[in-house]
Each structure stands twice: as structure tokens, then as C-alpha cells.
């Protein structure tokens, strides 16, 4: 279970690294920025391609998920819940 930092795409790096450490049958569930799932830069596109190859699942979290959290009010970052299973 992860909530990696979002700044500068660190969430993509953390999730890929953690996935590499999983044993077969392991699972990652993480809160990520929504950015990797729509941004067009090479890093996000490469993450999406890898994520799809690994049959990852992502679903948007409601905007109110972090209601009352000062950092969210300041940045307005949308988030996704992702799940990856190691075969």
C-alpha cells in the first residue's frame, strides 16, 4: 500500500520500483496523481504503456477524497487509486 510523492512524476518512479520488488502473487495498491494517465510527455506515456502491459487498473478518486487536507486545497491535485498484481 503506497502513497508516493507526486512531485516531478516521483509517483511513477516509486510505483515501478516497488513493482520490481514484488514476488509473484504480490499486489501494489497506491494513490497516484491523475497526471500520468493523461499527460502527453514521454515519461507519462512510457508509464501508461508499461502500466497497460502489466494489466494495471486505475480509477479516479472523488475530488473530496482529501477534503480538509491543506496541501490538496493549495495544489488541487486529482488522484487515482491504482492496483497492480505481479504474475
PDB file of N, CA and C in Angstrom:
ATOM      1  N   UNK A   1       0.867  -1.165   0.000  1.00  0.00           N
ATOM      2  CA  UNK A   1       0.000   0.000   0.000  1.00  0.00           C
ATOM      3  C   UNK A   1       0.903   1.212   0.000  1.00  0.00           C
ATOM      4  N   UNK A   2       0.689   2.123  -0.964  1.00  0.00           N
ATOM      5  CA  UNK A   2       1.611   3.246  -1.139  1.00  0.00           C
ATOM      6  C   UNK A   2       0.868   4.560  -1.331  1.00  0.00           C
ATOM      7  N   UNK A   3       1.514   5.625  -0.907  1.00  0.00           N
ATOM      8  CA  UNK A   3       1.095   6.983  -1.210  1.00  0.00           C
ATOM      9  C   UNK A   3       2.375   7.758  -1.524  1.00  0.00           C
ATOM     10  N   UNK A   4       2.971   7.494  -2.699  1.00  0.00           N
ATOM     11  CA  UNK A   4       4.257   8.106  -3.025  1.00  0.00           C
ATOM     12  C   UNK A   4       4.112   9.598  -3.298  1.00  0.00           C
ATOM     13  N   UNK A   5       5.229  10.322  -3.257  1.00  0.00           N
ATOM     14  CA  UNK A   5       5.179  11.751  -3.584  1.00  0.00           C
ATOM     15  C   UNK A   5       4.832  11.939  -5.062  1.00  0.00           C
ATOM     16  N   UNK A   6       4.076  12.998  -5.357  1.00  0.00           N
ATOM     17  CA  UNK A   6       3.629  13.249  -6.731  1.00  0.00           C
ATOM     18  C   UNK A   6       4.577  14.165  -7.494  1.00  0.00           C
ATOM     19  N   UNK A   7       5.339  14.960  -6.801  1.00  0.00           N
ATOM     20  CA  UNK A   7       6.153  15.993  -7.434  1.00  0.00           C
ATOM     21  C   UNK A   7       7.102  15.423  -8.482  1.00  0.00           C
ATOM     22  N   UNK A   8       7.121  16.050  -9.646  1.00  0.00           N
ATOM     23  CA  UNK A   8       8.023  15.702 -10.752  1.00  0.00           C
ATOM     24  C   UNK A   8       7.912  14.238 -11.178  1.00  0.00           C
ATOM     25  N   UNK A   9       6.711  13.670 -11.088  1.00  0.00           N
ATOM     26  CA  UNK A   9       6.499  12.303 -11.532  1.00  0.00           C
ATOM     27  C   UNK A   9       7.094  11.235 -10.638  1.00  0.00           C
ATOM     28  N   UNK A  10       7.424  11.615  -9.410  1.00  0.00           N
ATOM     29  CA  UNK A  10       8.016  10.632  -8.499  1.00  0.00           C
ATOM     30  C   UNK A  10       7.089   9.455  -8.239  1.00  0.00           C
ATOM     31  N   UNK A  11       5.774   9.686  -8.314  1.00  0.00           N
ATOM     32  CA  UNK A  11       4.850   8.576  -8.071  1.00  0.00           C
ATOM     33  C   UNK A  11       5.047   7.470  -9.102  1.00  0.00           C
ATOM     34  N   UNK A  12       5.279   7.842 -10.360  1.00  0.00           N
ATOM     35  CA  UNK A  12       5.520   6.832 -11.404  1.00  0.00           C
ATOM     36  C   UNK A  12       6.778   6.030 -11.096  1.00  0.00           C
ATOM     37  N   UNK A  13       7.823   6.717 -10.699  1.00  0.00           N
ATOM     38  CA  UNK A  13       9.089   6.051 -10.379  1.00  0.00           C
ATOM     39  C   UNK A  13       8.940   5.120  -9.182  1.00  0.00           C
ATOM     40  N   UNK A  14       8.269   5.586  -8.136  1.00  0.00           N
ATOM     41  CA  UNK A  14       8.098   4.776  -6.927  1.00  0.00           C
ATOM     42  C   UNK A  14       7.285   3.518  -7.219  1.00  0.00           C
ATOM     43  N   UNK A  15       6.211   3.666  -7.988  1.00  0.00           N
ATOM     44  CA  UNK A  15       5.356   2.509  -8.292  1.00  0.00           C
ATOM     45  C   UNK A  15       6.123   1.483  -9.128  1.00  0.00           C
ATOM     46  N   UNK A  16       6.846   1.940 -10.123  1.00  0.00           N
ATOM     47  CA  UNK A  16       7.614   0.994 -10.955  1.00  0.00           C
ATOM     48  C   UNK A  16       8.693   0.293 -10.135  1.00  0.00           C
ATOM     49  N   UNK A  17       9.356   1.034  -9.278  1.00  0.00           N
ATOM     50  CA  UNK A  17      10.390   0.436  -8.436  1.00  0.00           C
ATOM     51  C   UNK A  17       9.778  -0.605  -7.493  1.00  0.00           C
ATOM     52  N   UNK A  18       8.691  -0.245  -6.834  1.00  0.00           N
ATOM     53  CA  UNK A  18       8.034  -1.173  -5.901  1.00  0.00           C
ATOM     54  C   UNK A  18       7.555  -2.428  -6.624  1.00  0.00           C
ATOM     55  N   UNK A  19       7.026  -2.256  -7.839  1.00  0.00           N
ATOM     56  CA  UNK A  19       6.561  -3.404  -8.609  1.00  0.00           C
ATOM     57  C   UNK A  19       7.722  -4.363  -8.887  1.00  0.00           C
ATOM     58  N   UNK A  20       8.887  -3.812  -9.153  1.00  0.00           N
ATOM     59  CA  UNK A  20      10.066  -4.638  -9.400  1.00  0.00           C
ATOM     60  C   UNK A  20      10.496  -5.453  -8.190  1.00  0.00           C
ATOM     61  N   UNK A  21      10.086  -5.037  -7.007  1.00  0.00           N
ATOM     62  CA  UNK A  21      10.434  -5.749  -5.776  1.00  0.00           C
ATOM     63  C   UNK A  21       9.419  -6.817  -5.383  1.00  0.00           C
ATOM     64  N   UNK A  22       8.255  -6.808  -6.051  1.00  0.00           N
ATOM     65  CA  UNK A  22       7.204  -7.766  -5.701  1.00  0.00           C
ATOM     66  C   UNK A  22       7.576  -9.187  -6.103  1.00  0.00           C
ATOM     67  N   UNK A  23       7.195 -10.125  -5.261  1.00  0.00           N
ATOM     68  CA  UNK A  23       7.288 -11.541  -5.609  1.00  0.00           C
ATOM     69  C   UNK A  23       6.042 -11.914  -6.405  1.00  0.00           C
ATOM     70  N   UNK A  24       6.075 -12.999  -7.169  1.00  0.00           N
ATOM     71  CA  UNK A  24       4.870 -13.449  -7.872  1.00  0.00           C
ATOM     72  C   UNK A  24       3.708 -13.604  -6.881  1.00  0.00           C
ATOM     73  N   UNK A  25       2.557 -13.095  -7.286  1.00  0.00           N
ATOM     74  CA  UNK A  25       1.377 -13.122  -6.432  1.00  0.00           C
ATOM     75  C   UNK A  25       1.235 -11.863  -5.583  1.00  0.00           C
ATOM     76  N   UNK A  26       2.243 -10.984  -5.619  1.00  0.00           N
ATOM     77  CA  UNK A  26       2.192  -9.751  -4.846  1.00  0.00           C
ATOM     78  C   UNK A  26       1.310  -8.704  -5.508  1.00  0.00           C
ATOM     79  N   UNK A  27       0.895  -7.732  -4.711  1.00  0.00           N
ATOM     80  CA  UNK A  27      -0.002  -6.679  -5.198  1.00  0.00           C
ATOM     81  C   UNK A  27       0.437  -5.333  -4.665  1.00  0.00           C
ATOM     82  N   UNK A  28       0.336  -4.319  -5.519  1.00  0.00           N
ATOM     83  CA  UNK A  28       0.538  -2.932  -5.112  1.00  0.00           C
ATOM     84  C   UNK A  28      -0.800  -2.220  -5.249  1.00  0.00           C
ATOM     85  N   UNK A  29      -1.155  -1.476  -4.232  1.00  0.00           N
ATOM     86  CA  UNK A  29      -2.280  -0.559  -4.285  1.00  0.00           C
ATOM     87  C   UNK A  29      -1.702   0.794  -3.888  1.00  0.00           C
ATOM     88  N   UNK A  30      -1.906   1.799  -4.724  1.00  0.00           N
ATOM     89  CA  UNK A  30      -1.287   3.101  -4.462  1.00  0.00           C
ATOM     90  C   UNK A  30      -2.215   4.241  -4.851  1.00  0.00           C
ATOM     91  N   UNK A  31      -2.054   5.346  -4.152  1.00  0.00           N
ATOM     92  CA  UNK A  31      -2.676   6.605  -4.537  1.00  0.00           C
ATOM     93  C   UNK A  31      -1.644   7.333  -5.390  1.00  0.00           C
ATOM     94  N   UNK A  32      -2.050   7.710  -6.592  1.00  0.00           N
ATOM     95  CA  UNK A  32      -1.157   8.430  -7.504  1.00  0.00           C
ATOM     96  C   UNK A  32      -1.844   9.692  -7.984  1.00  0.00           C
ATOM     97  N   UNK A  33      -1.054  10.597  -8.495  1.00  0.00           N
ATOM     98  CA  UNK A  33      -1.594  11.744  -9.211  1.00  0.00           C
ATOM     99  C   UNK A  33      -2.300  11.222 -10.456  1.00  0.00           C
ATOM    100  N   UNK A  34      -3.331  11.913 -10.909  1.00  0.00           N
ATOM    101  CA  UNK A  34      -4.009  11.525 -12.145  1.00  0.00           C
ATOM    102  C   UNK A  34      -3.162  11.857 -13.375  1.00  0.00           C
ATOM    103  N   UNK A  35      -2.179  12.733 -13.214  1.00  0.00           N
ATOM    104  CA  UNK A  35      -1.366  13.197 -14.333  1.00  0.00           C
ATOM    105  C   UNK A  35      -0.789  12.124 -15.227  1.00  0.00           C
ATOM    106  N   UNK A  36      -0.206  11.065 -14.676  1.00  0.00           N
ATOM    107  CA  UNK A  36       0.379  10.045 -15.550  1.00  0.00           C
ATOM    108  C   UNK A  36      -0.614   9.399 -16.505  1.00  0.00           C
ATOM    109  N   UNK A  37      -1.902   9.537 -16.222  1.00  0.00           N
ATOM    110  CA  UNK A  37      -2.907   8.884 -17.051  1.00  0.00           C
ATOM    111  C   UNK A  37      -3.479   9.792 -18.142  1.00  0.00           C
ATOM    112  N   UNK A  38      -2.997  11.064 -18.206  1.00  0.00           N
ATOM    113  CA  UNK A  38      -3.449  11.928 -19.290  1.00  0.00           C
ATOM    114  C   UNK A  38      -2.348  12.835 -19.859  1.00  0.00           C
ATOM    115  N   UNK A  39      -1.288  13.071 -19.124  1.00  0.00           N
ATOM    116  CA  UNK A  39      -0.242  13.960 -19.639  1.00  0.00           C
ATOM    117  C   UNK A  39       0.419  13.348 -20.872  1.00  0.00           C
ATOM    118  N   UNK A  40       0.948  14.191 -21.734  1.00  0.00           N
ATOM    119  CA  UNK A  40       1.492  13.732 -23.007  1.00  0.00           C
ATOM    120  C   UNK A  40       3.011  13.625 -23.047  1.00  0.00           C
ATOM    121  N   UNK A  41       3.711  14.060 -21.992  1.00  0.00           N
ATOM    122  CA  UNK A  41       5.172  13.965 -22.056  1.00  0.00           C
ATOM    123  C   UNK A  41       5.614  12.499 -22.069  1.00  0.00           C
ATOM    124  N   UNK A  42       6.843  12.293 -22.532  1.00  0.00           N
ATOM    125  CA  UNK A  42       7.374  10.944 -22.741  1.00  0.00           C
ATOM    126  C   UNK A  42       7.322  10.088 -21.477  1.00  0.00           C
ATOM    127  N   UNK A  43       7.642  10.674 -20.328  1.00  0.00           N
ATOM    128  CA  UNK A  43       7.670   9.906 -19.079  1.00  0.00           C
ATOM    129  C   UNK A  43       6.286   9.344 -18.747  1.00  0.00           C
ATOM    130  N   UNK A  44       5.238  10.151 -18.896  1.00  0.00           N
ATOM    131  CA  UNK A  44       3.879   9.694 -18.619  1.00  0.00           C
ATOM    132  C   UNK A  44       3.436   8.655 -19.647  1.00  0.00           C
ATOM    133  N   UNK A  45       3.756   8.893 -20.906  1.00  0.00           N
ATOM    134  CA  UNK A  45       3.380   7.938 -21.954  1.00  0.00           C
ATOM    135  C   UNK A  45       4.050   6.584 -21.731  1.00  0.00           C
ATOM    136  N   UNK A  46       5.325   6.606 -21.356  1.00  0.00           N
ATOM    137  CA  UNK A  46       6.044   5.352 -21.084  1.00  0.00           C
ATOM    138  C   UNK A  46       5.440   4.639 -19.880  1.00  0.00           C
ATOM    139  N   UNK A  47       5.063   5.401 -18.860  1.00  0.00           N
ATOM    140  CA  UNK A  47       4.427   4.787 -17.685  1.00  0.00           C
ATOM    141  C   UNK A  47       3.114   4.121 -18.083  1.00  0.00           C
ATOM    142  N   UNK A  48       2.276   4.820 -18.848  1.00  0.00           N
ATOM    143  CA  UNK A  48       0.991   4.249 -19.272  1.00  0.00           C
ATOM    144  C   UNK A  48       1.188   2.971 -20.068  1.00  0.00           C
ATOM    145  N   UNK A  49       2.163   2.980 -20.974  1.00  0.00           N
ATOM    146  CA  UNK A  49       2.426   1.784 -21.779  1.00  0.00           C
ATOM    147  C   UNK A  49       2.822   0.618 -20.875  1.00  0.00           C
ATOM    148  N   UNK A  50       3.747   0.864 -19.946  1.00  0.00           N
ATOM    149  CA  UNK A  50       4.166  -0.176 -19.002  1.00  0.00           C
ATOM    150  C   UNK A  50       2.989  -0.635 -18.141  1.00  0.00           C
ATOM    151  N   UNK A  51       2.230   0.314 -17.618  1.00  0.00           N
ATOM    152  CA  UNK A  51       1.090   0.030 -16.748  1.00  0.00           C
ATOM    153  C   UNK A  51       0.072  -0.865 -17.469  1.00  0.00           C
ATOM    154  N   UNK A  52      -0.218  -0.536 -18.724  1.00  0.00           N
ATOM    155  CA  UNK A  52      -1.154  -1.344 -19.507  1.00  0.00           C
ATOM    156  C   UNK A  52      -0.599  -2.748 -19.774  1.00  0.00           C
ATOM    157  N   UNK A  53       0.699  -2.840 -20.058  1.00  0.00           N
ATOM    158  CA  UNK A  53       1.319  -4.154 -20.290  1.00  0.00           C
ATOM    159  C   UNK A  53       1.225  -5.036 -19.049  1.00  0.00           C
ATOM    160  N   UNK A  54       1.262  -4.414 -17.883  1.00  0.00           N
ATOM    161  CA  UNK A  54       1.182  -5.159 -16.621  1.00  0.00           C
ATOM    162  C   UNK A  54      -0.266  -5.340 -16.157  1.00  0.00           C
ATOM    163  N   UNK A  55      -1.213  -4.947 -17.004  1.00  0.00           N
ATOM    164  CA  UNK A  55      -2.642  -5.076 -16.710  1.00  0.00           C
ATOM    165  C   UNK A  55      -3.045  -4.325 -15.448  1.00  0.00           C
ATOM    166  N   UNK A  56      -2.454  -3.161 -15.258  1.00  0.00           N
ATOM    167  CA  UNK A  56      -2.812  -2.329 -14.110  1.00  0.00           C
ATOM    168  C   UNK A  56      -4.223  -1.787 -14.237  1.00  0.00           C
ATOM    169  N   UNK A  57      -4.805  -1.516 -13.099  1.00  0.00           N
ATOM    170  CA  UNK A  57      -6.155  -0.951 -13.035  1.00  0.00           C
ATOM    171  C   UNK A  57      -6.054   0.381 -12.303  1.00  0.00           C
ATOM    172  N   UNK A  58      -6.705   1.400 -12.841  1.00  0.00           N
ATOM    173  CA  UNK A  58      -6.732   2.686 -12.148  1.00  0.00           C
ATOM    174  C   UNK A  58      -8.139   3.249 -12.177  1.00  0.00           C
ATOM    175  N   UNK A  59      -8.497   3.914 -11.101  1.00  0.00           N
ATOM    176  CA  UNK A  59      -9.813   4.537 -11.028  1.00  0.00           C
ATOM    177  C   UNK A  59      -9.680   5.881 -10.312  1.00  0.00           C
ATOM    178  N   UNK A  60     -10.334   6.897 -10.845  1.00  0.00           N
ATOM    179  CA  UNK A  60     -10.257   8.213 -10.229  1.00  0.00           C
ATOM    180  C   UNK A  60     -10.869   8.199  -8.830  1.00  0.00           C
ATOM    181  N   UNK A  61     -10.243   8.898  -7.927  1.00  0.00           N
ATOM    182  CA  UNK A  61     -10.813   9.096  -6.597  1.00  0.00           C
ATOM    183  C   UNK A  61     -11.647  10.374  -6.628  1.00  0.00           C
ATOM    184  N   UNK A  62     -12.703  10.449  -5.837  1.00  0.00           N
ATOM    185  CA  UNK A  62     -13.517  11.664  -5.823  1.00  0.00           C
ATOM    186  C   UNK A  62     -12.681  12.885  -5.425  1.00  0.00           C
ATOM    187  N   UNK A  63     -13.024  14.033  -5.980  1.00  0.00           N
ATOM    188  CA  UNK A  63     -12.311  15.262  -5.641  1.00  0.00           C
ATOM    189  C   UNK A  63     -12.306  15.532  -4.148  1.00  0.00           C
ATOM    190  N   UNK A  64     -13.297  15.040  -3.446  1.00  0.00           N
ATOM    191  CA  UNK A  64     -13.399  15.284  -1.999  1.00  0.00           C
ATOM    192  C   UNK A  64     -12.590  14.284  -1.167  1.00  0.00           C
ATOM    193  N   UNK A  65     -11.825  13.411  -1.812  1.00  0.00           N
ATOM    194  CA  UNK A  65     -11.089  12.382  -1.074  1.00  0.00           C
ATOM    195  C   UNK A  65     -10.145  12.949  -0.032  1.00  0.00           C
ATOM    196  N   UNK A  66      -9.582  14.102  -0.313  1.00  0.00           N
ATOM    197  CA  UNK A  66      -8.631  14.708   0.617  1.00  0.00           C
ATOM    198  C   UNK A  66      -9.158  16.027   1.155  1.00  0.00           C
ATOM    199  N   UNK A  67     -10.476  16.119   1.231  1.00  0.00           N
ATOM    200  CA  UNK A  67     -11.100  17.335   1.748  1.00  0.00           C
ATOM    201  C   UNK A  67     -10.573  17.625   3.145  1.00  0.00           C
ATOM    202  N   UNK A  68     -10.201  18.862   3.362  1.00  0.00           N
ATOM    203  CA  UNK A  68      -9.668  19.244   4.661  1.00  0.00           C
ATOM    204  C   UNK A  68      -8.159  19.139   4.742  1.00  0.00           C
ATOM    205  N   UNK A  69      -7.537  18.549   3.726  1.00  0.00           N
ATOM    206  CA  UNK A  69      -6.079  18.441   3.701  1.00  0.00           C
ATOM    207  C   UNK A  69      -5.536  19.709   3.055  1.00  0.00           C
ATOM    208  N   UNK A  70      -4.772  20.476   3.795  1.00  0.00           N
ATOM    209  CA  UNK A  70      -4.289  21.774   3.325  1.00  0.00           C
ATOM    210  C   UNK A  70      -3.527  21.675   2.004  1.00  0.00           C
ATOM    211  N   UNK A  71      -2.674  20.682   1.861  1.00  0.00           N
ATOM    212  CA  UNK A  71      -1.884  20.550   0.636  1.00  0.00           C
ATOM    213  C   UNK A  71      -2.781  20.372  -0.581  1.00  0.00           C
ATOM    214  N   UNK A  72      -3.888  19.643  -0.441  1.00  0.00           N
ATOM    215  CA  UNK A  72      -4.796  19.440  -1.569  1.00  0.00           C
ATOM    216  C   UNK A  72      -5.460  20.747  -1.958  1.00  0.00           C
ATOM    217  N   UNK A  73      -5.901  21.505  -0.977  1.00  0.00           N
ATOM    218  CA  UNK A  73      -6.555  22.784  -1.282  1.00  0.00           C
ATOM    219  C   UNK A  73      -5.589  23.717  -1.999  1.00  0.00           C
ATOM    220  N   UNK A  74      -4.319  23.642  -1.668  1.00  0.00           N
ATOM    221  CA  UNK A  74      -3.335  24.528  -2.288  1.00  0.00           C
ATOM    222  C   UNK A  74      -3.001  24.100  -3.717  1.00  0.00           C
ATOM    223  N   UNK A  75      -2.935  22.806  -3.978  1.00  0.00           N
ATOM    224  CA  UNK A  75      -2.496  22.336  -5.286  1.00  0.00           C
ATOM    225  C   UNK A  75      -3.627  21.846  -6.166  1.00  0.00           C
ATOM    226  N   UNK A  76      -4.703  21.354  -5.589  1.00  0.00           N
ATOM    227  CA  UNK A  76      -5.818  20.831  -6.364  1.00  0.00           C
ATOM    228  C   UNK A  76      -5.477  19.584  -7.149  1.00  0.00           C
ATOM    229  N   UNK A  77      -4.559  18.783  -6.681  1.00  0.00           N
ATOM    230  CA  UNK A  77      -4.122  17.582  -7.400  1.00  0.00           C
ATOM    231  C   UNK A  77      -5.232  16.537  -7.390  1.00  0.00           C
ATOM    232  N   UNK A  78      -5.587  16.082  -8.580  1.00  0.00           N
ATOM    233  CA  UNK A  78      -6.538  14.972  -8.687  1.00  0.00           C
ATOM    234  C   UNK A  78      -5.772  13.678  -8.507  1.00  0.00           C
ATOM    235  N   UNK A  79      -6.441  12.694  -7.946  1.00  0.00           N
ATOM    236  CA  UNK A  79      -5.761  11.445  -7.625  1.00  0.00           C
ATOM    237  C   UNK A  79      -6.487  10.240  -8.213  1.00  0.00           C
ATOM    238  N   UNK A  80      -5.732   9.165  -8.327  1.00  0.00           N
ATOM    239  CA  UNK A  80      -6.244   7.886  -8.817  1.00  0.00           C
ATOM    240  C   UNK A  80      -5.794   6.791  -7.855  1.00  0.00           C
ATOM    241  N   UNK A  81      -6.603   5.778  -7.713  1.00  0.00           N
ATOM    242  CA  UNK A  81      -6.224   4.587  -6.964  1.00  0.00           C
ATOM    243  C   UNK A  81      -5.817   3.548  -7.993  1.00  0.00           C
ATOM    244  N   UNK A  82      -4.589   3.045  -7.875  1.00  0.00           N
ATOM    245  CA  UNK A  82      -4.121   2.059  -8.845  1.00  0.00           C
ATOM    246  C   UNK A  82      -3.872   0.719  -8.148  1.00  0.00           C
ATOM    247  N   UNK A  83      -4.025  -0.335  -8.916  1.00  0.00           N
ATOM    248  CA  UNK A  83      -3.754  -1.687  -8.447  1.00  0.00           C
ATOM    249  C   UNK A  83      -2.939  -2.407  -9.511  1.00  0.00           C
ATOM    250  N   UNK A  84      -1.865  -3.035  -9.076  1.00  0.00           N
ATOM    251  CA  UNK A  84      -1.004  -3.839  -9.949  1.00  0.00           C
ATOM    252  C   UNK A  84      -0.744  -5.173  -9.271  1.00  0.00           C
ATOM    253  N   UNK A  85      -0.917  -6.252 -10.001  1.00  0.00           N
ATOM    254  CA  UNK A  85      -0.637  -7.585  -9.489  1.00  0.00           C
ATOM    255  C   UNK A  85       0.548  -8.172 -10.235  1.00  0.00           C
ATOM    256  N   UNK A  86       1.459  -8.769  -9.488  1.00  0.00           N
ATOM    257  CA  UNK A  86       2.629  -9.434 -10.092  1.00  0.00           C
ATOM    258  C   UNK A  86       2.247 -10.864 -10.390  1.00  0.00           C
ATOM    259  N   UNK A  87       2.367 -11.245 -11.653  1.00  0.00           N
ATOM    260  CA  UNK A  87       2.031 -12.632 -12.055  1.00  0.00           C
ATOM    261  C   UNK A  87       3.184 -13.561 -11.777  1.00  0.00           C
TER     262      UNK A  87
END
